[in-house]
Amino acid sequence: MDKKLTVLDRVTLPTPRFFRKVRTIGAALATVGGIIATAPVALPAAIVTLGGYLVLAGSVAAAVSSVAVDPDADLKGPDGRTAAEVRDIVERGDAASL
């Protein structure tokens, strides 16, 4: 894979299984951190701070892992279209084709 991929290419191409797991774990961490940080009961400041850090770490893990692309995989998305075809459809503004 010598071609540089755009962000749209990376989002539309399939994500490797490991990074799908990391994305799920990151989203769960962010959710737990959000629950802790916004708890309606009075919690010690250290626990609220920990909740904020969990939100940050989970969000970063989920965002980074969702744009990971398998370099050996076929450059077709789950619908059989290449990233270039999807990019052309988006640039045309023909969202009904997606």
N, C-alpha and C. Protein backbone atom coordinates (compact mmCIF):
# COMPACT_ATOMS: atom_id res chain seq x y z
N MET A 1 0.85 -1.16 0.00
CA MET A 1 0.00 0.00 0.00
C MET A 1 0.90 1.23 0.00
N ASP A 2 1.29 1.66 -1.19
CA ASP A 2 2.14 2.83 -1.31
C ASP A 2 1.34 4.11 -1.41
N LYS A 3 0.07 3.99 -1.77
CA LYS A 3 -0.78 5.17 -1.94
C LYS A 3 -1.15 5.75 -0.58
N LYS A 4 -1.07 7.07 -0.47
CA LYS A 4 -1.50 7.73 0.76
C LYS A 4 -3.02 7.80 0.77
N LEU A 5 -3.62 7.41 1.88
CA LEU A 5 -5.07 7.39 2.00
C LEU A 5 -5.56 8.66 2.69
N THR A 6 -6.69 9.15 2.23
CA THR A 6 -7.31 10.29 2.89
C THR A 6 -8.09 9.79 4.10
N VAL A 7 -8.56 10.72 4.90
CA VAL A 7 -9.35 10.34 6.08
C VAL A 7 -10.63 9.63 5.64
N LEU A 8 -11.25 10.11 4.58
CA LEU A 8 -12.47 9.47 4.08
C LEU A 8 -12.18 8.04 3.63
N ASP A 9 -11.02 7.82 2.98
CA ASP A 9 -10.64 6.47 2.59
C ASP A 9 -10.50 5.59 3.82
N ARG A 10 -9.83 6.11 4.84
CA ARG A 10 -9.59 5.32 6.04
C ARG A 10 -10.88 4.99 6.77
N VAL A 11 -11.84 5.90 6.77
CA VAL A 11 -13.09 5.65 7.47
C VAL A 11 -13.95 4.65 6.72
N THR A 12 -13.90 4.66 5.38
CA THR A 12 -14.76 3.78 4.60
C THR A 12 -14.18 2.39 4.41
N LEU A 13 -12.87 2.21 4.54
CA LEU A 13 -12.27 0.89 4.37
C LEU A 13 -12.44 0.07 5.64
N PRO A 14 -12.39 -1.27 5.51
CA PRO A 14 -12.58 -2.11 6.70
C PRO A 14 -11.46 -1.94 7.72
N THR A 15 -11.82 -2.08 8.99
CA THR A 15 -10.88 -1.96 10.11
C THR A 15 -10.46 -3.37 10.53
N PRO A 16 -9.18 -3.59 10.81
CA PRO A 16 -8.74 -4.92 11.28
C PRO A 16 -9.43 -5.30 12.59
N ARG A 17 -9.50 -6.59 12.84
CA ARG A 17 -10.23 -7.10 14.00
C ARG A 17 -9.66 -6.56 15.32
N PHE A 18 -8.34 -6.50 15.46
CA PHE A 18 -7.73 -6.00 16.69
C PHE A 18 -8.19 -4.58 16.99
N PHE A 19 -8.19 -3.73 15.96
CA PHE A 19 -8.56 -2.34 16.18
C PHE A 19 -10.06 -2.17 16.40
N ARG A 20 -10.87 -3.09 15.90
CA ARG A 20 -12.30 -3.06 16.24
C ARG A 20 -12.49 -3.33 17.72
N LYS A 21 -11.68 -4.26 18.27
CA LYS A 21 -11.75 -4.54 19.71
C LYS A 21 -11.28 -3.34 20.52
N VAL A 22 -10.18 -2.71 20.07
CA VAL A 22 -9.67 -1.52 20.77
C VAL A 22 -10.71 -0.40 20.73
N ARG A 23 -11.38 -0.24 19.60
CA ARG A 23 -12.41 0.79 19.48
C ARG A 23 -13.56 0.54 20.45
N THR A 24 -13.97 -0.72 20.58
CA THR A 24 -15.06 -1.06 21.50
C THR A 24 -14.65 -0.83 22.95
N ILE A 25 -13.44 -1.23 23.29
CA ILE A 25 -12.95 -1.03 24.66
C ILE A 25 -12.81 0.47 24.94
N GLY A 26 -12.30 1.23 23.97
CA GLY A 26 -12.16 2.68 24.16
C GLY A 26 -13.50 3.36 24.35
N ALA A 27 -14.50 2.94 23.59
CA ALA A 27 -15.83 3.53 23.76
C ALA A 27 -16.42 3.18 25.12
N ALA A 28 -16.16 1.95 25.58
CA ALA A 28 -16.65 1.56 26.90
C ALA A 28 -15.95 2.36 28.00
N LEU A 29 -14.63 2.56 27.88
CA LEU A 29 -13.90 3.37 28.86
C LEU A 29 -14.43 4.80 28.89
N ALA A 30 -14.67 5.37 27.72
CA ALA A 30 -15.18 6.74 27.66
C ALA A 30 -16.56 6.82 28.30
N THR A 31 -17.39 5.81 28.10
CA THR A 31 -18.72 5.80 28.69
C THR A 31 -18.65 5.71 30.21
N VAL A 32 -17.81 4.80 30.71
CA VAL A 32 -17.66 4.66 32.15
C VAL A 32 -17.11 5.95 32.76
N GLY A 33 -16.10 6.55 32.09
CA GLY A 33 -15.55 7.81 32.58
C GLY A 33 -16.57 8.92 32.59
N GLY A 34 -17.42 8.97 31.58
CA GLY A 34 -18.47 9.98 31.54
C GLY A 34 -19.49 9.80 32.65
N ILE A 35 -19.81 8.55 32.94
CA ILE A 35 -20.74 8.28 34.03
C ILE A 35 -20.14 8.70 35.37
N ILE A 36 -18.86 8.39 35.56
CA ILE A 36 -18.20 8.76 36.82
C ILE A 36 -18.09 10.28 36.95
N ALA A 37 -17.68 10.93 35.85
CA ALA A 37 -17.45 12.38 35.91
C ALA A 37 -18.74 13.16 36.13
N THR A 38 -19.86 12.64 35.66
CA THR A 38 -21.13 13.37 35.78
C THR A 38 -22.08 12.73 36.78
N ALA A 39 -21.55 11.97 37.70
CA ALA A 39 -22.39 11.29 38.69
C ALA A 39 -23.16 12.32 39.52
N PRO A 40 -24.43 12.05 39.79
CA PRO A 40 -25.24 13.01 40.54
C PRO A 40 -24.94 13.02 42.04
N VAL A 41 -24.10 12.10 42.51
CA VAL A 41 -23.74 12.07 43.93
C VAL A 41 -22.37 12.71 44.11
N ALA A 42 -22.08 13.14 45.32
CA ALA A 42 -20.80 13.78 45.61
C ALA A 42 -19.71 12.71 45.69
N LEU A 43 -18.75 12.79 44.79
CA LEU A 43 -17.62 11.86 44.78
C LEU A 43 -16.35 12.63 45.11
N PRO A 44 -15.35 11.95 45.65
CA PRO A 44 -14.08 12.63 45.89
C PRO A 44 -13.49 13.18 44.59
N ALA A 45 -12.73 14.24 44.72
CA ALA A 45 -12.16 14.90 43.54
C ALA A 45 -11.27 13.97 42.74
N ALA A 46 -10.56 13.08 43.40
CA ALA A 46 -9.66 12.16 42.70
C ALA A 46 -10.45 11.22 41.78
N ILE A 47 -11.62 10.78 42.21
CA ILE A 47 -12.42 9.87 41.39
C ILE A 47 -13.02 10.63 40.20
N VAL A 48 -13.45 11.85 40.41
CA VAL A 48 -13.99 12.66 39.31
C VAL A 48 -12.88 12.94 38.29
N THR A 49 -11.68 13.22 38.77
CA THR A 49 -10.54 13.44 37.88
C THR A 49 -10.23 12.17 37.10
N LEU A 50 -10.26 11.02 37.77
CA LEU A 50 -10.05 9.74 37.10
C LEU A 50 -11.10 9.53 36.00
N GLY A 51 -12.33 9.91 36.27
CA GLY A 51 -13.39 9.81 35.26
C GLY A 51 -13.08 10.66 34.04
N GLY A 52 -12.54 11.86 34.27
CA GLY A 52 -12.16 12.71 33.14
C GLY A 52 -11.04 12.11 32.31
N TYR A 53 -10.08 11.50 33.00
CA TYR A 53 -8.98 10.84 32.27
C TYR A 53 -9.48 9.62 31.49
N LEU A 54 -10.44 8.89 32.05
CA LEU A 54 -11.01 7.75 31.32
C LEU A 54 -11.74 8.21 30.07
N VAL A 55 -12.45 9.32 30.16
CA VAL A 55 -13.13 9.86 28.98
C VAL A 55 -12.11 10.22 27.91
N LEU A 56 -11.05 10.89 28.31
CA LEU A 56 -10.02 11.29 27.35
C LEU A 56 -9.35 10.09 26.72
N ALA A 57 -8.89 9.14 27.53
CA ALA A 57 -8.17 7.97 27.01
C ALA A 57 -9.08 7.12 26.12
N GLY A 58 -10.31 6.91 26.54
CA GLY A 58 -11.24 6.12 25.74
C GLY A 58 -11.59 6.77 24.42
N SER A 59 -11.76 8.08 24.44
CA SER A 59 -12.09 8.80 23.20
C SER A 59 -10.94 8.75 22.22
N VAL A 60 -9.73 8.95 22.71
CA VAL A 60 -8.56 8.91 21.82
C VAL A 60 -8.37 7.51 21.26
N ALA A 61 -8.50 6.49 22.09
CA ALA A 61 -8.35 5.11 21.62
C ALA A 61 -9.39 4.77 20.56
N ALA A 62 -10.62 5.17 20.79
CA ALA A 62 -11.68 4.89 19.82
C ALA A 62 -11.47 5.63 18.52
N ALA A 63 -11.05 6.88 18.60
CA ALA A 63 -10.86 7.68 17.38
C ALA A 63 -9.68 7.16 16.56
N VAL A 64 -8.58 6.86 17.21
CA VAL A 64 -7.39 6.40 16.48
C VAL A 64 -7.63 5.02 15.88
N SER A 65 -8.28 4.14 16.64
CA SER A 65 -8.47 2.78 16.13
C SER A 65 -9.52 2.71 15.03
N SER A 66 -10.42 3.67 14.94
CA SER A 66 -11.42 3.61 13.88
C SER A 66 -10.89 4.02 12.53
N VAL A 67 -9.73 4.64 12.45
CA VAL A 67 -9.15 4.98 11.15
C VAL A 67 -8.00 4.06 10.77
N ALA A 68 -7.78 2.99 11.53
CA ALA A 68 -6.75 2.01 11.17
C ALA A 68 -7.24 1.17 10.01
N VAL A 69 -6.35 0.89 9.07
CA VAL A 69 -6.70 0.11 7.88
C VAL A 69 -5.71 -1.03 7.75
N ASP A 70 -6.20 -2.20 7.39
CA ASP A 70 -5.34 -3.36 7.18
C ASP A 70 -4.57 -3.15 5.87
N PRO A 71 -3.22 -3.10 5.92
CA PRO A 71 -2.46 -2.82 4.70
C PRO A 71 -2.51 -3.95 3.68
N ASP A 72 -2.80 -5.18 4.12
CA ASP A 72 -2.83 -6.32 3.20
C ASP A 72 -4.21 -6.62 2.66
N ALA A 73 -5.21 -5.93 3.17
CA ALA A 73 -6.59 -6.22 2.77
C ALA A 73 -6.88 -5.62 1.40
N ASP A 74 -7.92 -6.16 0.79
CA ASP A 74 -8.41 -5.62 -0.46
C ASP A 74 -8.96 -4.22 -0.19
N LEU A 75 -8.69 -3.30 -1.08
CA LEU A 75 -9.09 -1.91 -0.86
C LEU A 75 -10.56 -1.67 -1.20
N LYS A 76 -11.39 -2.63 -0.91
CA LYS A 76 -12.83 -2.47 -1.12
C LYS A 76 -13.52 -2.50 0.22
N GLY A 77 -14.53 -1.66 0.35
CA GLY A 77 -15.30 -1.60 1.58
C GLY A 77 -16.25 -2.78 1.69
N PRO A 78 -17.03 -2.83 2.75
CA PRO A 78 -17.95 -3.94 2.95
C PRO A 78 -19.05 -4.01 1.89
N ASP A 79 -19.30 -2.90 1.20
CA ASP A 79 -20.32 -2.90 0.16
C ASP A 79 -19.75 -3.20 -1.22
N GLY A 80 -18.45 -3.49 -1.32
CA GLY A 80 -17.83 -3.84 -2.59
C GLY A 80 -17.29 -2.66 -3.37
N ARG A 81 -17.45 -1.45 -2.86
CA ARG A 81 -16.94 -0.26 -3.54
C ARG A 81 -15.54 0.06 -3.07
N THR A 82 -14.73 0.59 -3.97
CA THR A 82 -13.41 1.05 -3.56
C THR A 82 -13.56 2.42 -2.90
N ALA A 83 -12.51 2.82 -2.20
CA ALA A 83 -12.56 4.11 -1.52
C ALA A 83 -12.66 5.25 -2.52
N ALA A 84 -12.04 5.09 -3.67
CA ALA A 84 -12.11 6.14 -4.70
C ALA A 84 -13.55 6.30 -5.21
N GLU A 85 -14.26 5.19 -5.37
CA GLU A 85 -15.65 5.27 -5.82
C GLU A 85 -16.52 5.98 -4.79
N VAL A 86 -16.32 5.66 -3.52
CA VAL A 86 -17.09 6.32 -2.46
C VAL A 86 -16.76 7.80 -2.41
N ARG A 87 -15.48 8.14 -2.56
CA ARG A 87 -15.08 9.55 -2.56
C ARG A 87 -15.72 10.30 -3.72
N ASP A 88 -15.79 9.68 -4.91
CA ASP A 88 -16.44 10.33 -6.05
C ASP A 88 -17.93 10.57 -5.79
N ILE A 89 -18.59 9.60 -5.17
CA ILE A 89 -20.01 9.75 -4.85
C ILE A 89 -20.22 10.89 -3.86
N VAL A 90 -19.37 10.96 -2.84
CA VAL A 90 -19.49 12.02 -1.83
C VAL A 90 -19.21 13.39 -2.45
N GLU A 91 -18.20 13.47 -3.31
CA GLU A 91 -17.88 14.75 -3.95
C GLU A 91 -18.99 15.22 -4.88
N ARG A 92 -19.68 14.27 -5.52
CA ARG A 92 -20.81 14.63 -6.38
C ARG A 92 -22.01 15.08 -5.57
N GLY A 93 -22.05 14.68 -4.31
CA GLY A 93 -23.18 15.03 -3.47
C GLY A 93 -24.34 14.09 -3.67
N ASP A 94 -24.09 12.92 -4.23
CA ASP A 94 -25.14 11.95 -4.51
C ASP A 94 -25.24 10.97 -3.36
N ALA A 95 -25.71 11.42 -2.21
CA ALA A 95 -25.75 10.60 -1.01
C ALA A 95 -26.74 9.45 -1.14
N ALA A 96 -27.71 9.55 -2.03
CA ALA A 96 -28.69 8.48 -2.19
C ALA A 96 -28.03 7.24 -2.77
N SER A 97 -26.89 7.38 -3.45
CA SER A 97 -26.19 6.23 -4.01
C SER A 97 -25.47 5.42 -2.96
N LEU A 98 -25.22 6.02 -1.81
CA LEU A 98 -24.53 5.28 -0.75
C LEU A 98 -25.54 4.43 -0.05
